[in-house]
Amino acid sequence: MPPDHRIDYEVKDRVAVIAMNRPRVNAIDHAMIDAIHAALRQANADPGVGAVILTSALPGMFCGGMDLRMAYEGDALAMRAFLGKFYLETMNIQYEMTKPTIAAVNGPARGAGMTLSITSDIVLAADDIDLGYPEIDVGLIPAIHYVHLPRVIGRHKAFELLFGGKPISAAEAVSLGIVNHAVPREGLMDRAFEMARAYAAKSPVIMALGRGSFMRANDLDYRRNVENQIETLCNIFSTADGKEGLLAFLEKREARWG
């Protein structure tokens, strides 16, 4: 990994740990998602790795979402390239992984942080955090979650979360099926390692074949629907309200919608 990779990477007991490390909130930009992708590919190619944990090296924050300054300053073509990379390439890498991936959400997760979580196979969360989809409040939409969330929790509850913008507790996320388990913060990584080592101890051949079959069985038209949401999000970036929402967030003021 290059010295400015923005993540920490280590392998322990056949478990690769990818820890995001971009202060202050692990905002996702091109360099950050490139580093995460490279680490996932490295773990997948390593025969000494049997499972992967994605977490944060920052105390008190998993991921605050997309880098909104990048979004505000980028033109439509630049944002289309980023969204294709963040959504579709992330999905493709996870689709092609031959090893289980576990998100250990050790701090609040918003927007892109939720995306990184739900593209993993298992989601564990510290029981004292909250999670949410605040994009509507900054003039954006949580594109992939329009596809994912209704399938998991139903249309009406998904609408409430996606268009209300209010965070939910880890306990509520578990009750809805968004998170597998809420774990006391001090035991979160121990629980993640326990699960990861159990997966890593299984036949790597059967795990690879079985996970591939599972992904194909559950893909359906998921990718095509995500592509449709990316198109909508690109259109939003070109609207006056889309720009105003981002600017208001950066200037720490209330948005003045058109």
Protein backbone atom coordinates (compact mmCIF):
# COMPACT_ATOMS: atom_id res chain seq x y z
CA MET A 1 0.00 0.00 0.00
CA PRO A 2 1.28 3.55 -0.72
CA PRO A 3 2.01 5.74 2.33
CA ASP A 4 -1.02 7.99 1.72
CA HIS A 5 -3.48 5.10 1.31
CA ARG A 6 -5.85 6.51 3.98
CA ILE A 7 -6.43 3.06 5.43
CA ASP A 8 -4.62 0.67 7.76
CA TYR A 9 -4.30 -2.94 6.59
CA GLU A 10 -3.16 -5.97 8.53
CA VAL A 11 -3.67 -9.72 8.53
CA LYS A 12 -4.07 -11.60 11.80
CA ASP A 13 -5.17 -15.21 12.27
CA ARG A 14 -6.12 -15.44 8.57
CA VAL A 15 -8.35 -12.37 8.93
CA ALA A 16 -7.60 -9.20 6.96
CA VAL A 17 -8.58 -6.00 8.77
CA ILE A 18 -9.19 -2.92 6.62
CA ALA A 19 -9.45 0.15 8.87
CA MET A 20 -10.44 3.46 7.29
CA ASN A 21 -8.20 6.25 8.54
CA ARG A 22 -9.04 9.60 6.99
CA PRO A 23 -9.67 12.19 9.73
CA ARG A 24 -12.09 13.62 10.64
CA VAL A 25 -14.95 11.43 9.49
CA ASN A 26 -13.55 9.03 6.85
CA ALA A 27 -15.26 11.04 4.10
CA ILE A 28 -15.23 9.02 0.90
CA ASP A 29 -13.48 10.57 -2.10
CA HIS A 30 -11.66 9.02 -5.07
CA ALA A 31 -8.47 8.24 -3.12
CA MET A 32 -10.37 6.74 -0.20
CA ILE A 33 -12.52 4.38 -2.24
CA ASP A 34 -9.53 3.45 -4.41
CA ALA A 35 -7.66 2.44 -1.25
CA ILE A 36 -10.59 0.38 0.06
CA HIS A 37 -10.95 -1.36 -3.30
CA ALA A 38 -7.22 -2.12 -3.44
CA ALA A 39 -7.31 -3.58 0.09
CA LEU A 40 -10.32 -5.78 -0.71
CA ARG A 41 -8.62 -7.06 -3.84
CA GLN A 42 -5.40 -7.69 -1.91
CA ALA A 43 -7.27 -9.67 0.73
CA ASN A 44 -9.13 -11.66 -1.89
CA ALA A 45 -5.90 -12.57 -3.71
CA ASP A 46 -4.08 -13.62 -0.53
CA PRO A 47 -4.36 -17.38 0.14
CA GLY A 48 -3.45 -16.63 3.76
CA VAL A 49 -6.69 -14.67 4.23
CA GLY A 50 -9.97 -16.46 4.90
CA ALA A 51 -12.22 -13.54 5.89
CA VAL A 52 -12.20 -9.73 5.87
CA ILE A 53 -13.24 -7.10 8.42
CA LEU A 54 -13.93 -3.50 7.36
CA THR A 55 -13.86 -1.00 10.22
CA SER A 56 -12.59 2.45 11.19
CA ALA A 57 -9.32 3.47 12.81
CA LEU A 58 -10.90 6.75 13.97
CA PRO A 59 -12.33 6.89 17.50
CA GLY A 60 -16.02 7.71 17.46
CA MET A 61 -16.67 7.58 13.71
CA PHE A 62 -17.13 4.79 11.19
CA CYS A 63 -17.84 6.90 8.10
CA GLY A 64 -19.60 10.23 7.76
CA GLY A 65 -20.44 9.72 4.08
CA MET A 66 -19.31 11.06 0.74
CA ASP A 67 -16.86 13.98 0.63
CA LEU A 68 -19.43 16.70 0.02
CA ARG A 69 -16.84 19.33 -0.93
CA MET A 70 -15.73 17.02 -3.73
CA ALA A 71 -19.38 16.65 -4.74
CA TYR A 72 -19.99 20.42 -4.72
CA GLU A 73 -16.85 21.31 -6.65
CA GLY A 74 -17.04 18.47 -9.17
CA ASP A 75 -18.81 18.77 -12.50
CA ALA A 76 -21.42 16.28 -13.72
CA LEU A 77 -18.93 14.09 -15.58
CA ALA A 78 -16.57 13.92 -12.62
CA MET A 79 -19.38 12.93 -10.28
CA ARG A 80 -20.66 10.31 -12.71
CA ALA A 81 -17.19 8.77 -12.73
CA PHE A 82 -17.03 8.81 -8.92
CA LEU A 83 -20.51 7.34 -8.45
CA GLY A 84 -19.78 4.57 -10.95
CA LYS A 85 -16.64 3.74 -9.01
CA PHE A 86 -18.18 4.02 -5.56
CA TYR A 87 -21.42 2.14 -6.22
CA LEU A 88 -20.83 -0.20 -9.14
CA GLU A 89 -17.15 -1.05 -8.65
CA THR A 90 -17.69 -1.59 -4.92
CA MET A 91 -20.62 -3.88 -5.71
CA ASN A 92 -18.59 -5.76 -8.32
CA ILE A 93 -15.64 -6.30 -5.99
CA GLN A 94 -17.91 -7.57 -3.23
CA TYR A 95 -19.77 -9.73 -5.76
CA GLU A 96 -16.50 -11.36 -6.84
CA MET A 97 -15.02 -11.83 -3.36
CA THR A 98 -14.38 -15.47 -2.51
CA LYS A 99 -14.22 -14.75 1.23
CA PRO A 100 -16.82 -13.41 3.69
CA THR A 101 -16.71 -9.71 4.50
CA ILE A 102 -17.79 -8.27 7.85
CA ALA A 103 -18.44 -4.58 8.52
CA ALA A 104 -17.58 -3.76 12.14
CA VAL A 105 -19.32 -0.40 12.49
CA ASN A 106 -17.58 1.12 15.50
CA GLY A 107 -18.96 4.65 15.15
CA PRO A 108 -21.81 6.54 13.51
CA ALA A 109 -22.41 5.67 9.85
CA ARG A 110 -24.05 8.03 7.39
CA GLY A 111 -24.72 7.88 3.65
CA ALA A 112 -21.67 6.32 2.02
CA GLY A 113 -20.80 4.71 5.35
CA MET A 114 -24.11 2.87 5.22
CA THR A 115 -23.30 1.80 1.66
CA LEU A 116 -19.95 0.32 2.70
CA SER A 117 -21.75 -1.52 5.50
CA ILE A 118 -24.58 -3.05 3.50
CA THR A 119 -22.34 -4.19 0.65
CA SER A 120 -20.57 -6.43 3.20
CA ASP A 121 -21.92 -9.89 4.01
CA ILE A 122 -22.34 -9.29 7.75
CA VAL A 123 -22.91 -6.02 9.62
CA LEU A 124 -21.98 -5.69 13.28
CA ALA A 125 -22.45 -2.38 15.09
CA ALA A 126 -21.44 -0.94 18.44
CA ASP A 127 -24.61 -0.75 20.52
CA ASP A 128 -24.12 2.93 21.42
CA ILE A 129 -24.02 4.36 17.88
CA ASP A 130 -26.63 5.49 15.40
CA LEU A 131 -26.93 5.05 11.66
CA GLY A 132 -28.80 6.98 9.04
CA TYR A 133 -29.49 8.34 5.61
CA PRO A 134 -29.26 12.15 5.84
CA GLU A 135 -28.84 12.80 2.11
CA ILE A 136 -32.31 14.29 1.69
CA ASP A 137 -31.31 17.15 4.02
CA VAL A 138 -28.39 18.18 1.80
CA GLY A 139 -30.25 17.92 -1.48
CA LEU A 140 -29.10 14.42 -2.45
CA ILE A 141 -30.51 10.90 -2.46
CA PRO A 142 -29.03 7.71 -0.94
CA ALA A 143 -29.07 5.99 -4.32
CA ILE A 144 -28.19 2.36 -3.57
CA HIS A 145 -30.44 2.31 -0.52
CA TYR A 146 -33.51 3.01 -2.65
CA VAL A 147 -32.82 -0.45 -4.05
CA HIS A 148 -31.52 -2.19 -0.94
CA LEU A 149 -33.61 -0.96 1.96
CA PRO A 150 -37.16 -1.75 0.74
CA ARG A 151 -36.05 -5.34 0.10
CA VAL A 152 -34.80 -5.67 3.67
CA ILE A 153 -37.37 -3.77 5.75
CA GLY A 154 -40.32 -3.15 3.44
CA ARG A 155 -41.41 -0.19 1.35
CA HIS A 156 -43.15 1.96 3.97
CA LYS A 157 -40.51 1.79 6.70
CA ALA A 158 -37.80 2.33 4.08
CA PHE A 159 -39.56 5.45 2.83
CA GLU A 160 -39.72 6.82 6.37
CA LEU A 161 -35.97 6.40 6.89
CA LEU A 162 -34.82 7.49 3.44
CA PHE A 163 -37.01 10.59 3.16
CA GLY A 164 -37.06 11.56 6.83
CA GLY A 165 -33.30 11.78 7.20
CA LYS A 166 -33.35 10.96 10.92
CA PRO A 167 -30.82 8.46 12.31
CA ILE A 168 -31.80 5.27 14.09
CA SER A 169 -30.11 3.43 16.94
CA ALA A 170 -28.08 0.28 16.43
CA ALA A 171 -30.76 -1.64 18.34
CA GLU A 172 -33.49 -0.46 15.96
CA ALA A 173 -31.26 -1.28 12.99
CA VAL A 174 -30.98 -4.84 14.32
CA SER A 175 -34.75 -5.10 14.80
CA LEU A 176 -35.27 -4.01 11.19
CA GLY A 177 -32.69 -6.42 9.80
CA ILE A 178 -30.24 -3.74 8.60
CA VAL A 179 -27.62 -4.89 11.13
CA ASN A 180 -26.95 -8.47 12.21
CA HIS A 181 -25.94 -7.77 15.80
CA ALA A 182 -25.44 -4.78 18.10
CA VAL A 183 -22.47 -5.42 20.36
CA PRO A 184 -21.05 -3.49 23.34
CA ARG A 185 -18.37 -1.22 21.92
CA GLU A 186 -15.54 -2.76 23.93
CA GLY A 187 -16.39 -6.20 22.54
CA LEU A 188 -17.14 -5.27 18.93
CA MET A 189 -13.82 -6.22 17.35
CA ASP A 190 -13.61 -9.39 19.45
CA ARG A 191 -17.02 -10.42 18.11
CA ALA A 192 -15.99 -9.52 14.56
CA PHE A 193 -12.80 -11.58 14.88
CA GLU A 194 -14.72 -14.48 16.40
CA MET A 195 -17.07 -14.59 13.40
CA ALA A 196 -14.29 -13.97 10.88
CA ARG A 197 -12.06 -16.74 12.28
CA ALA A 198 -15.01 -19.15 12.23
CA TYR A 199 -15.59 -18.40 8.54
CA ALA A 200 -11.85 -18.56 7.78
CA ALA A 201 -11.65 -22.04 9.34
CA LYS A 202 -14.05 -23.49 6.79
CA SER A 203 -13.07 -25.00 3.45
CA PRO A 204 -11.87 -22.11 1.25
CA VAL A 205 -13.01 -23.96 -1.86
CA ILE A 206 -16.53 -24.57 -0.58
CA MET A 207 -16.73 -21.05 0.84
CA ALA A 208 -15.73 -19.53 -2.51
CA LEU A 209 -18.17 -21.66 -4.49
CA GLY A 210 -20.97 -21.26 -1.97
CA ARG A 211 -20.56 -17.49 -1.63
CA GLY A 212 -20.52 -17.14 -5.41
CA SER A 213 -23.74 -19.14 -5.66
CA PHE A 214 -25.33 -17.06 -2.90
CA MET A 215 -24.42 -13.81 -4.66
CA ARG A 216 -25.81 -14.98 -7.99
CA ALA A 217 -29.02 -16.21 -6.36
CA ASN A 218 -29.63 -12.85 -4.68
CA ASP A 219 -28.42 -10.46 -7.36
CA LEU A 220 -31.60 -10.52 -9.48
CA ASP A 221 -31.90 -7.08 -11.13
CA TYR A 222 -30.06 -5.34 -8.28
CA ARG A 223 -27.26 -3.86 -10.40
CA ARG A 224 -29.62 -2.51 -13.06
CA ASN A 225 -31.73 -0.80 -10.41
CA VAL A 226 -28.65 0.74 -8.81
CA GLU A 227 -27.57 2.07 -12.21
CA ASN A 228 -30.97 3.76 -12.50
CA GLN A 229 -30.45 5.43 -9.12
CA ILE A 230 -27.00 6.66 -10.15
CA GLU A 231 -28.58 8.32 -13.18
CA THR A 232 -31.06 10.13 -10.93
CA LEU A 233 -28.32 11.22 -8.55
CA CYS A 234 -26.26 12.61 -11.44
CA ASN A 235 -29.29 14.62 -12.54
CA ILE A 236 -29.71 15.94 -8.98
CA PHE A 237 -26.13 17.26 -8.95
CA SER A 238 -27.03 19.52 -11.88
CA THR A 239 -30.06 21.11 -10.17
CA ALA A 240 -30.02 24.40 -8.27
CA ASP A 241 -31.38 22.72 -5.13
CA GLY A 242 -28.74 20.02 -5.35
CA LYS A 243 -25.97 22.65 -5.39
CA GLU A 244 -27.67 24.72 -2.68
CA GLY A 245 -27.97 21.77 -0.32
CA LEU A 246 -24.28 20.97 -0.61
CA LEU A 247 -23.25 24.61 -0.23
CA ALA A 248 -25.47 25.07 2.81
CA PHE A 249 -23.90 22.04 4.45
CA LEU A 250 -20.37 23.28 3.73
CA GLU A 251 -21.26 26.76 5.04
CA LYS A 252 -23.03 25.25 8.08
CA ARG A 253 -26.34 27.02 7.51
CA GLU A 254 -29.93 26.16 6.67
CA ALA A 255 -30.56 25.44 3.00
CA ARG A 256 -32.68 27.94 1.05
CA TRP A 257 -34.58 25.68 -1.31
CA GLY A 258 -35.85 27.07 -4.60
